Protein backbone atom coordinates (compact mmCIF):
# COMPACT_ATOMS: atom_id res chain seq x y z
CA UNK A 1 12.11 50.86 -75.54
CA UNK A 2 8.72 49.40 -76.83
CA UNK A 3 5.54 51.33 -76.19
CA UNK A 4 2.05 49.81 -75.98
CA UNK A 5 -1.18 51.41 -77.34
CA UNK A 6 -3.29 53.04 -74.74
CA UNK A 7 -6.93 52.02 -74.37
CA UNK A 8 -9.87 54.30 -73.07
CA UNK A 9 -12.85 52.92 -70.94
CA UNK A 10 -16.24 53.82 -72.48
CA UNK A 11 -17.80 53.91 -69.13
CA UNK A 12 -15.53 56.21 -67.17
CA UNK A 13 -13.00 57.49 -69.54
CA UNK A 14 -10.00 56.20 -67.62
CA UNK A 15 -6.94 55.51 -70.05
CA UNK A 16 -4.73 52.46 -69.58
CA UNK A 17 -3.13 49.23 -71.15
CA UNK A 18 -5.16 46.58 -72.79
CA UNK A 19 -4.65 43.99 -70.14
CA UNK A 20 -6.59 46.35 -67.59
CA UNK A 21 -9.87 46.26 -69.52
CA UNK A 22 -12.51 43.95 -70.95
CA UNK A 23 -12.85 44.04 -74.83
CA UNK A 24 -16.02 44.06 -76.59
CA UNK A 25 -16.96 43.54 -80.18
CA UNK A 26 -20.11 43.38 -82.21
CA UNK A 27 -20.92 39.94 -84.00
CA UNK A 28 -22.46 39.68 -87.51
CA UNK A 29 -25.92 39.75 -86.15
CA UNK A 30 -25.37 42.97 -84.40
CA UNK A 31 -25.04 41.47 -81.04
CA UNK A 32 -22.50 43.00 -78.62
CA UNK A 33 -20.37 40.38 -77.16
CA UNK A 34 -17.52 40.24 -74.45
CA UNK A 35 -14.26 39.16 -76.34
CA UNK A 36 -12.06 38.07 -73.55
CA UNK A 37 -9.44 36.51 -76.00
CA UNK A 38 -9.41 39.22 -78.67
CA UNK A 39 -10.37 36.73 -81.40
CA UNK A 40 -13.55 38.38 -82.79
CA UNK A 41 -12.36 40.65 -85.81
CA UNK A 42 -13.36 44.22 -86.45
CA UNK A 43 -13.62 47.08 -84.16
CA UNK A 44 -13.45 46.73 -80.49
CA UNK A 45 -14.35 48.60 -77.38
CA UNK A 46 -12.84 48.60 -73.94
CA UNK A 47 -14.37 48.98 -70.51
CA UNK A 48 -12.98 48.75 -66.97
CA UNK A 49 -13.56 45.64 -65.15
CA UNK A 50 -15.73 47.09 -62.38
CA UNK A 51 -19.54 46.79 -62.28
CA UNK A 52 -20.16 50.77 -62.44
CA UNK A 53 -18.27 51.31 -65.65
CA UNK A 54 -20.11 48.22 -67.16
CA UNK A 55 -23.47 49.80 -66.42
CA UNK A 56 -22.21 53.05 -68.03
CA UNK A 57 -20.97 51.44 -70.81
CA UNK A 58 -24.12 49.58 -71.65
CA UNK A 59 -26.36 52.55 -70.78
CA UNK A 60 -25.03 54.93 -73.45
CA UNK A 61 -26.26 53.73 -76.95
CA UNK A 62 -24.69 56.83 -78.69
CA UNK A 63 -21.24 56.20 -77.37
CA UNK A 64 -21.48 52.50 -78.51
CA UNK A 65 -22.61 53.60 -82.15
CA UNK A 66 -19.65 56.05 -82.23
CA UNK A 67 -17.11 53.18 -81.03
CA UNK A 68 -18.30 50.43 -83.33
CA UNK A 69 -19.81 52.44 -86.32
CA UNK A 70 -22.91 50.16 -86.25
CA UNK A 71 -26.02 50.09 -84.50
CA UNK A 72 -25.84 47.54 -81.36
CA UNK A 73 -29.04 45.44 -81.42
CA UNK A 74 -28.65 43.68 -78.21
CA UNK A 75 -26.16 42.67 -75.48
CA UNK A 76 -25.18 38.98 -75.18
CA UNK A 77 -24.05 38.38 -71.56
CA UNK A 78 -22.02 35.23 -72.17
């Protein structure tokens, strides 16, 4: 039986599988970008797909710093 890694939403703390969340990564310029196809290398952070969790995710800079181990400069809404 194959097991899959569990991800945690940085907005609400809900745990679930990767397909239930959006992945975010920080590019070389320090910009937070949505990584829908999981192609950006490095550390990623996950968030539920609802608006309330997205707002909590973006609001808490300390949580983003802990997740990415770098200071996030800005948010690129592509």
